[in-house]
């Protein structure tokens, strides 16, 4: 059994993204270089390995939404894109995400929430930012974000 989710996001972002924001977001989508002046959104997934002295060594971060090509468990293809539109930016991604990675994605989801097109914000301040589907399920569930909280599925 695998603890994999299909993660789908298709969201409009406001026009106010800076060049540094776009650069870092493109890195998270696997289509750009790591920011030269360091990460501001979130560092991505970091894996620790055991060093020669037995102490853990952190490897370089990996993009959070950077997989491209065939999916391992959910079928189909994985991709991620950020495109300029007449009203701002559009982010679209289909990724295969392990359950242990969800918490590491929290900062990126909160960062996106703070920049989402205001027309997507509900009366209670929440946004359906993405959809998640456990790989064996037929139905997906909404990923809701409000204020400083991401409501990950259980």
N, C-alpha and C. Protein backbone atom coordinates (compact mmCIF):
# COMPACT_ATOMS: atom_id res chain seq x y z
N UNK A 1 0.85 -1.19 0.00
CA UNK A 1 0.00 0.00 0.00
C UNK A 1 0.88 1.24 0.00
N UNK A 2 0.50 2.22 -0.77
CA UNK A 2 1.24 3.48 -0.84
C UNK A 2 0.37 4.59 -0.28
N UNK A 3 1.02 5.57 0.29
CA UNK A 3 0.30 6.73 0.83
C UNK A 3 0.45 7.90 -0.14
N UNK A 4 -0.04 7.71 -1.36
CA UNK A 4 0.11 8.73 -2.41
C UNK A 4 -1.22 9.41 -2.68
N UNK A 5 -1.11 10.69 -2.96
CA UNK A 5 -2.26 11.49 -3.36
C UNK A 5 -2.02 12.08 -4.73
N UNK A 6 -3.10 12.21 -5.49
CA UNK A 6 -3.09 13.05 -6.68
C UNK A 6 -3.37 14.47 -6.19
N UNK A 7 -2.52 15.40 -6.55
CA UNK A 7 -2.65 16.80 -6.15
C UNK A 7 -2.90 17.60 -7.42
N UNK A 8 -4.08 18.24 -7.50
CA UNK A 8 -4.44 19.06 -8.66
C UNK A 8 -4.64 20.50 -8.22
N UNK A 9 -3.96 21.40 -8.91
CA UNK A 9 -4.16 22.82 -8.63
C UNK A 9 -4.32 23.55 -9.95
N UNK A 10 -5.30 24.42 -10.00
CA UNK A 10 -5.54 25.29 -11.15
C UNK A 10 -6.08 26.59 -10.56
N UNK A 11 -5.20 27.57 -10.42
CA UNK A 11 -5.57 28.77 -9.67
C UNK A 11 -5.00 30.02 -10.33
N UNK A 12 -5.82 31.08 -10.30
CA UNK A 12 -5.38 32.39 -10.79
C UNK A 12 -4.77 33.18 -9.65
N UNK A 13 -3.61 33.77 -9.93
CA UNK A 13 -2.92 34.60 -8.96
C UNK A 13 -2.95 36.04 -9.43
N UNK A 14 -2.91 36.96 -8.47
CA UNK A 14 -2.94 38.38 -8.80
C UNK A 14 -1.69 38.80 -9.57
N UNK A 15 -1.78 39.94 -10.19
CA UNK A 15 -0.72 40.47 -11.05
C UNK A 15 0.50 40.95 -10.28
N UNK A 16 0.42 41.02 -8.96
CA UNK A 16 1.47 41.67 -8.16
C UNK A 16 2.70 40.81 -7.86
N UNK A 17 2.85 39.65 -8.50
CA UNK A 17 4.03 38.84 -8.26
C UNK A 17 5.27 39.56 -8.75
N UNK A 18 6.29 39.59 -7.91
CA UNK A 18 7.56 40.20 -8.31
C UNK A 18 8.36 39.23 -9.16
N UNK A 19 9.42 39.70 -9.78
CA UNK A 19 10.29 38.82 -10.56
C UNK A 19 10.88 37.74 -9.68
N UNK A 20 11.24 38.08 -8.44
CA UNK A 20 11.78 37.10 -7.50
C UNK A 20 10.73 36.05 -7.13
N UNK A 21 9.46 36.48 -6.97
CA UNK A 21 8.37 35.54 -6.68
C UNK A 21 8.22 34.54 -7.82
N UNK A 22 8.21 35.06 -9.04
CA UNK A 22 8.02 34.21 -10.23
C UNK A 22 9.20 33.24 -10.35
N UNK A 23 10.41 33.72 -10.13
CA UNK A 23 11.60 32.86 -10.21
C UNK A 23 11.50 31.70 -9.23
N UNK A 24 11.16 32.01 -7.99
CA UNK A 24 11.08 30.96 -6.98
C UNK A 24 9.91 30.01 -7.23
N UNK A 25 8.79 30.56 -7.66
CA UNK A 25 7.63 29.71 -7.95
C UNK A 25 7.95 28.78 -9.12
N UNK A 26 8.62 29.27 -10.14
CA UNK A 26 9.02 28.42 -11.26
C UNK A 26 9.96 27.30 -10.79
N UNK A 27 10.84 27.59 -9.82
CA UNK A 27 11.70 26.55 -9.26
C UNK A 27 10.85 25.46 -8.62
N UNK A 28 9.82 25.86 -7.83
CA UNK A 28 8.94 24.89 -7.18
C UNK A 28 8.19 24.04 -8.19
N UNK A 29 8.01 24.55 -9.41
CA UNK A 29 7.31 23.82 -10.46
C UNK A 29 8.27 23.01 -11.33
N UNK A 30 9.55 23.03 -10.97
CA UNK A 30 10.54 22.25 -11.70
C UNK A 30 10.92 22.84 -13.04
N UNK A 31 10.66 24.14 -13.24
CA UNK A 31 10.95 24.75 -14.53
C UNK A 31 11.87 25.95 -14.42
N UNK A 32 12.64 26.02 -13.37
CA UNK A 32 13.56 27.14 -13.20
C UNK A 32 14.67 26.80 -12.23
N UNK A 33 15.64 27.68 -12.17
CA UNK A 33 16.77 27.52 -11.26
C UNK A 33 16.40 27.97 -9.86
N UNK A 34 17.11 27.47 -8.87
CA UNK A 34 16.91 27.91 -7.49
C UNK A 34 17.27 29.39 -7.40
N UNK A 35 16.53 30.16 -6.61
CA UNK A 35 16.81 31.59 -6.49
C UNK A 35 18.23 31.83 -5.97
N UNK A 36 18.93 32.76 -6.59
CA UNK A 36 20.31 33.05 -6.19
C UNK A 36 20.38 33.66 -4.79
N UNK A 37 19.36 34.43 -4.42
CA UNK A 37 19.40 35.11 -3.12
C UNK A 37 18.68 34.31 -2.02
N UNK A 38 18.49 33.01 -2.23
CA UNK A 38 17.88 32.17 -1.20
C UNK A 38 16.37 32.05 -1.37
N UNK A 39 15.82 31.10 -0.64
CA UNK A 39 14.39 30.84 -0.72
C UNK A 39 13.61 31.76 0.21
N UNK A 40 12.48 32.25 -0.28
CA UNK A 40 11.62 33.10 0.52
C UNK A 40 10.27 32.45 0.78
N UNK A 41 9.82 31.60 -0.14
CA UNK A 41 8.52 30.96 0.00
C UNK A 41 8.63 29.75 0.92
N UNK A 42 9.48 28.83 0.57
CA UNK A 42 9.62 27.56 1.29
C UNK A 42 10.77 26.83 0.64
N UNK A 43 11.48 26.07 1.38
CA UNK A 43 12.68 25.44 0.84
C UNK A 43 12.42 24.16 0.08
N UNK A 44 11.22 23.68 0.04
CA UNK A 44 10.97 22.43 -0.67
C UNK A 44 11.29 21.24 0.20
N UNK A 45 11.25 20.09 -0.40
CA UNK A 45 11.48 18.85 0.32
C UNK A 45 12.99 18.67 0.51
N UNK A 46 13.40 18.40 1.74
CA UNK A 46 14.80 18.10 2.04
C UNK A 46 14.87 16.68 2.57
N UNK A 47 15.80 15.94 2.04
CA UNK A 47 16.00 14.57 2.51
C UNK A 47 17.27 14.52 3.32
N UNK A 48 17.24 13.76 4.39
CA UNK A 48 18.43 13.58 5.22
C UNK A 48 18.99 12.18 4.98
N UNK A 49 20.30 12.11 4.85
CA UNK A 49 20.97 10.83 4.74
C UNK A 49 21.99 10.73 5.85
N UNK A 50 22.43 9.54 6.12
CA UNK A 50 23.44 9.36 7.16
C UNK A 50 24.81 9.61 6.57
N UNK A 51 25.55 10.52 7.20
CA UNK A 51 26.90 10.83 6.75
C UNK A 51 27.89 9.78 7.20
N UNK A 52 29.13 9.94 6.78
CA UNK A 52 30.18 8.97 7.13
C UNK A 52 30.40 8.89 8.64
N UNK A 53 30.15 10.01 9.34
CA UNK A 53 30.35 10.01 10.79
C UNK A 53 29.08 9.58 11.55
N UNK A 54 28.06 9.15 10.81
CA UNK A 54 26.82 8.72 11.45
C UNK A 54 25.83 9.84 11.70
N UNK A 55 26.25 11.09 11.48
CA UNK A 55 25.38 12.25 11.67
C UNK A 55 24.54 12.48 10.41
N UNK A 56 23.30 12.98 10.57
CA UNK A 56 22.48 13.23 9.38
C UNK A 56 23.03 14.40 8.56
N UNK A 57 22.92 14.25 7.25
CA UNK A 57 23.34 15.28 6.31
C UNK A 57 22.13 15.65 5.47
N UNK A 58 21.78 16.93 5.43
CA UNK A 58 20.66 17.37 4.61
C UNK A 58 21.11 17.55 3.17
N UNK A 59 20.34 16.96 2.26
CA UNK A 59 20.60 17.15 0.84
C UNK A 59 19.95 18.45 0.38
N UNK A 60 20.30 18.90 -0.81
CA UNK A 60 19.69 20.10 -1.36
C UNK A 60 18.18 19.91 -1.44
N UNK A 61 17.41 21.00 -1.30
CA UNK A 61 15.95 20.87 -1.38
C UNK A 61 15.51 20.47 -2.78
N UNK A 62 14.36 19.83 -2.83
CA UNK A 62 13.74 19.44 -4.09
C UNK A 62 12.48 20.28 -4.27
N UNK A 63 12.14 20.66 -5.50
CA UNK A 63 10.90 21.40 -5.73
C UNK A 63 9.69 20.62 -5.23
N UNK A 64 8.71 21.36 -4.70
CA UNK A 64 7.52 20.73 -4.14
C UNK A 64 6.55 20.24 -5.21
N UNK A 65 6.48 20.94 -6.34
CA UNK A 65 5.54 20.59 -7.41
C UNK A 65 6.29 20.41 -8.72
N UNK A 66 7.46 19.80 -8.66
CA UNK A 66 8.35 19.79 -9.81
C UNK A 66 8.40 18.52 -10.63
N UNK A 67 7.52 17.56 -10.40
CA UNK A 67 7.57 16.32 -11.17
C UNK A 67 6.95 16.54 -12.56
N UNK A 68 7.61 15.96 -13.54
CA UNK A 68 7.13 16.00 -14.93
C UNK A 68 7.30 14.61 -15.51
N UNK A 69 6.31 14.14 -16.26
CA UNK A 69 6.40 12.82 -16.88
C UNK A 69 5.40 11.85 -16.30
N UNK A 70 5.61 10.56 -16.54
CA UNK A 70 4.64 9.55 -16.09
C UNK A 70 4.54 9.49 -14.56
N UNK A 71 3.31 9.33 -14.08
CA UNK A 71 3.07 9.18 -12.64
C UNK A 71 3.36 7.74 -12.24
N UNK A 72 3.76 7.56 -10.98
CA UNK A 72 4.11 6.24 -10.47
C UNK A 72 2.87 5.47 -10.04
N UNK A 73 1.98 6.09 -9.25
CA UNK A 73 0.84 5.38 -8.66
C UNK A 73 -0.52 5.84 -9.19
N UNK A 74 -0.66 7.11 -9.54
CA UNK A 74 -1.98 7.65 -9.86
C UNK A 74 -2.33 7.53 -11.33
N UNK A 75 -1.38 7.11 -12.15
CA UNK A 75 -1.62 7.00 -13.59
C UNK A 75 -1.54 8.36 -14.26
N UNK A 76 -1.44 8.33 -15.56
CA UNK A 76 -1.39 9.58 -16.32
C UNK A 76 -0.04 10.26 -16.22
N UNK A 77 -0.04 11.55 -16.53
CA UNK A 77 1.18 12.34 -16.57
C UNK A 77 1.18 13.41 -15.49
N UNK A 78 2.38 13.76 -15.03
CA UNK A 78 2.57 14.82 -14.05
C UNK A 78 3.15 16.03 -14.77
N UNK A 79 2.70 17.21 -14.36
CA UNK A 79 3.17 18.44 -14.99
C UNK A 79 2.90 19.61 -14.07
N UNK A 80 3.51 20.73 -14.36
CA UNK A 80 3.29 21.96 -13.59
C UNK A 80 3.70 23.15 -14.45
N UNK A 81 2.85 24.18 -14.46
CA UNK A 81 3.11 25.37 -15.29
C UNK A 81 2.64 26.63 -14.59
N UNK A 82 3.36 27.70 -14.87
CA UNK A 82 2.97 29.04 -14.43
C UNK A 82 3.01 29.91 -15.68
N UNK A 83 1.89 30.52 -16.01
CA UNK A 83 1.80 31.34 -17.22
C UNK A 83 1.22 32.71 -16.91
N UNK A 84 1.72 33.70 -17.61
CA UNK A 84 1.21 35.07 -17.53
C UNK A 84 -0.13 35.12 -18.26
N UNK A 85 -1.11 35.80 -17.67
CA UNK A 85 -2.41 36.01 -18.32
C UNK A 85 -2.66 37.50 -18.40
N UNK A 86 -3.76 37.88 -19.02
CA UNK A 86 -4.09 39.30 -19.13
C UNK A 86 -4.43 39.91 -17.77
N UNK A 87 -4.84 39.07 -16.81
CA UNK A 87 -5.24 39.58 -15.49
C UNK A 87 -4.21 39.31 -14.40
N UNK A 88 -3.16 38.54 -14.70
CA UNK A 88 -2.18 38.20 -13.67
C UNK A 88 -1.40 36.98 -14.06
N UNK A 89 -1.54 35.92 -13.26
CA UNK A 89 -0.81 34.67 -13.47
C UNK A 89 -1.76 33.50 -13.28
N UNK A 90 -1.48 32.40 -13.96
CA UNK A 90 -2.25 31.17 -13.76
C UNK A 90 -1.27 30.04 -13.46
N UNK A 91 -1.53 29.35 -12.36
CA UNK A 91 -0.73 28.20 -11.93
C UNK A 91 -1.57 26.95 -12.11
N UNK A 92 -0.98 25.98 -12.77
CA UNK A 92 -1.68 24.72 -12.96
C UNK A 92 -0.69 23.58 -12.77
N UNK A 93 -1.07 22.57 -11.99
CA UNK A 93 -0.18 21.44 -11.76
C UNK A 93 -0.99 20.20 -11.44
N UNK A 94 -0.44 19.07 -11.87
CA UNK A 94 -0.93 17.75 -11.48
C UNK A 94 0.30 17.01 -10.98
N UNK A 95 0.27 16.65 -9.71
CA UNK A 95 1.42 16.03 -9.08
C UNK A 95 1.00 14.80 -8.30
N UNK A 96 1.97 13.95 -8.03
CA UNK A 96 1.80 12.80 -7.18
C UNK A 96 2.55 13.14 -5.89
N UNK A 97 1.81 13.21 -4.78
CA UNK A 97 2.38 13.70 -3.53
C UNK A 97 2.25 12.63 -2.46
N UNK A 98 3.36 12.34 -1.79
CA UNK A 98 3.34 11.39 -0.68
C UNK A 98 2.75 12.07 0.55
N UNK A 99 2.05 11.32 1.36
CA UNK A 99 1.39 11.88 2.54
C UNK A 99 2.38 12.59 3.46
N UNK A 100 3.62 12.12 3.53
CA UNK A 100 4.62 12.76 4.40
C UNK A 100 5.07 14.11 3.87
N UNK A 101 4.78 14.41 2.62
CA UNK A 101 5.19 15.68 2.02
C UNK A 101 4.14 16.78 2.22
N UNK A 102 2.92 16.39 2.57
CA UNK A 102 1.84 17.38 2.66
C UNK A 102 2.19 18.52 3.62
N UNK A 103 2.67 18.20 4.80
CA UNK A 103 3.00 19.26 5.76
C UNK A 103 4.10 20.18 5.23
N UNK A 104 5.04 19.62 4.48
CA UNK A 104 6.11 20.44 3.92
C UNK A 104 5.59 21.40 2.86
N UNK A 105 4.42 21.12 2.31
CA UNK A 105 3.81 21.99 1.30
C UNK A 105 3.01 23.13 1.92
N UNK A 106 2.84 23.12 3.23
CA UNK A 106 1.98 24.10 3.89
C UNK A 106 2.40 25.54 3.60
N UNK A 107 3.68 25.85 3.73
CA UNK A 107 4.11 27.24 3.52
C UNK A 107 3.85 27.71 2.09
N UNK A 108 4.08 26.83 1.12
CA UNK A 108 3.79 27.19 -0.27
C UNK A 108 2.30 27.43 -0.47
N UNK A 109 1.46 26.60 0.11
CA UNK A 109 0.00 26.77 -0.02
C UNK A 109 -0.45 28.08 0.62
N UNK A 110 0.12 28.41 1.78
CA UNK A 110 -0.23 29.69 2.43
C UNK A 110 0.26 30.87 1.60
N UNK A 111 1.44 30.74 1.00
CA UNK A 111 1.98 31.79 0.15
C UNK A 111 1.05 32.01 -1.05
N UNK A 112 0.60 30.93 -1.68
CA UNK A 112 -0.33 31.04 -2.81
C UNK A 112 -1.66 31.64 -2.37
N UNK A 113 -2.15 31.23 -1.23
CA UNK A 113 -3.42 31.75 -0.70
C UNK A 113 -3.37 33.27 -0.58
N UNK A 114 -2.25 33.80 -0.11
CA UNK A 114 -2.13 35.25 0.08
C UNK A 114 -2.03 36.01 -1.25
N UNK A 115 -1.87 35.29 -2.36
CA UNK A 115 -1.73 35.93 -3.67
C UNK A 115 -2.80 35.51 -4.66
N UNK A 116 -3.77 34.73 -4.20
CA UNK A 116 -4.81 34.23 -5.08
C UNK A 116 -5.70 35.39 -5.55
N UNK A 117 -6.26 35.23 -6.74
CA UNK A 117 -7.20 36.21 -7.27
C UNK A 117 -8.32 36.40 -6.25
N UNK A 118 -8.61 37.64 -5.90
CA UNK A 118 -9.59 37.92 -4.84
C UNK A 118 -10.99 37.40 -5.16
N UNK A 119 -11.29 37.20 -6.43
CA UNK A 119 -12.59 36.65 -6.82
C UNK A 119 -12.77 35.20 -6.39
N UNK A 120 -11.71 34.53 -6.01
CA UNK A 120 -11.79 33.14 -5.58
C UNK A 120 -12.01 32.99 -4.08
N UNK A 121 -11.90 34.09 -3.35
CA UNK A 121 -12.02 34.05 -1.89
C UNK A 121 -13.50 34.03 -1.50
N UNK A 122 -13.87 33.03 -0.68
CA UNK A 122 -15.25 32.89 -0.23
C UNK A 122 -15.61 33.92 0.83
N UNK A 123 -16.88 34.03 1.19
CA UNK A 123 -17.33 34.98 2.19
C UNK A 123 -16.66 34.81 3.55
N UNK A 124 -16.26 33.58 3.87
CA UNK A 124 -15.60 33.32 5.16
C UNK A 124 -14.08 33.48 5.07
N UNK A 125 -13.58 33.92 3.91
CA UNK A 125 -12.14 34.12 3.73
C UNK A 125 -11.41 32.89 3.24
N UNK A 126 -12.13 31.80 2.98
CA UNK A 126 -11.47 30.57 2.55
C UNK A 126 -11.38 30.49 1.03
N UNK A 127 -10.43 29.68 0.58
CA UNK A 127 -10.22 29.44 -0.85
C UNK A 127 -10.04 27.94 -1.05
N UNK A 128 -10.73 27.40 -2.04
CA UNK A 128 -10.44 26.03 -2.47
C UNK A 128 -9.23 26.13 -3.39
N UNK A 129 -8.07 25.86 -2.85
CA UNK A 129 -6.83 26.10 -3.56
C UNK A 129 -6.46 24.95 -4.50
N UNK A 130 -6.84 23.73 -4.13
CA UNK A 130 -6.48 22.56 -4.92
C UNK A 130 -7.45 21.44 -4.59
N UNK A 131 -7.20 20.29 -5.20
CA UNK A 131 -7.97 19.09 -4.90
C UNK A 131 -6.99 17.95 -4.69
N UNK A 132 -7.33 17.07 -3.75
CA UNK A 132 -6.50 15.91 -3.44
C UNK A 132 -7.34 14.65 -3.56
N UNK A 133 -6.70 13.62 -4.10
CA UNK A 133 -7.36 12.32 -4.23
C UNK A 133 -6.37 11.24 -3.86
N UNK A 134 -6.72 10.44 -2.83
CA UNK A 134 -5.89 9.30 -2.50
C UNK A 134 -5.90 8.38 -3.71
N UNK A 135 -4.78 7.79 -4.05
CA UNK A 135 -4.63 7.10 -5.32
C UNK A 135 -5.64 5.98 -5.57
N UNK A 136 -6.22 5.40 -4.55
CA UNK A 136 -7.21 4.33 -4.75
C UNK A 136 -8.64 4.85 -4.78
N UNK A 137 -8.86 6.11 -4.44
CA UNK A 137 -10.21 6.67 -4.42
C UNK A 137 -10.63 7.17 -5.79
N UNK A 138 -11.94 7.18 -6.01
CA UNK A 138 -12.48 7.71 -7.26
C UNK A 138 -12.74 9.22 -7.16
N UNK A 139 -13.04 9.70 -5.97
CA UNK A 139 -13.40 11.10 -5.77
C UNK A 139 -12.26 11.88 -5.11
N UNK A 140 -12.15 13.14 -5.46
CA UNK A 140 -11.16 14.02 -4.82
C UNK A 140 -11.84 14.87 -3.76
N UNK A 141 -11.05 15.43 -2.87
CA UNK A 141 -11.57 16.33 -1.84
C UNK A 141 -10.89 17.69 -1.99
N UNK A 142 -11.61 18.75 -1.66
CA UNK A 142 -11.00 20.08 -1.80
C UNK A 142 -9.94 20.33 -0.74
N UNK A 143 -8.92 21.04 -1.14
CA UNK A 143 -7.90 21.52 -0.20
C UNK A 143 -8.26 22.98 0.10
N UNK A 144 -8.78 23.19 1.28
CA UNK A 144 -9.22 24.52 1.67
C UNK A 144 -8.12 25.21 2.47
N UNK A 145 -7.97 26.51 2.22
CA UNK A 145 -7.01 27.34 2.94
C UNK A 145 -7.76 28.57 3.43
N UNK A 146 -7.53 28.93 4.69
CA UNK A 146 -8.14 30.13 5.26
C UNK A 146 -7.18 30.73 6.27
N UNK A 147 -6.93 31.99 6.12
CA UNK A 147 -6.06 32.74 7.02
C UNK A 147 -4.68 32.09 7.11
N UNK A 148 -4.36 31.45 8.22
CA UNK A 148 -3.05 30.84 8.39
C UNK A 148 -3.13 29.33 8.50
N UNK A 149 -4.19 28.74 7.98
CA UNK A 149 -4.38 27.29 8.13
C UNK A 149 -4.69 26.62 6.79
N UNK A 150 -3.99 25.52 6.54
CA UNK A 150 -4.27 24.66 5.39
C UNK A 150 -4.97 23.42 5.94
N UNK A 151 -6.13 23.11 5.40
CA UNK A 151 -6.93 21.99 5.88
C UNK A 151 -6.61 20.75 5.03
N UNK A 152 -5.53 20.05 5.40
CA UNK A 152 -5.10 18.84 4.70
C UNK A 152 -6.07 17.71 5.00
N UNK A 153 -6.26 16.79 4.05
CA UNK A 153 -7.15 15.65 4.32
C UNK A 153 -6.55 14.74 5.39
N UNK A 154 -7.39 14.02 6.04
CA UNK A 154 -6.92 13.09 7.09
C UNK A 154 -6.94 11.68 6.58
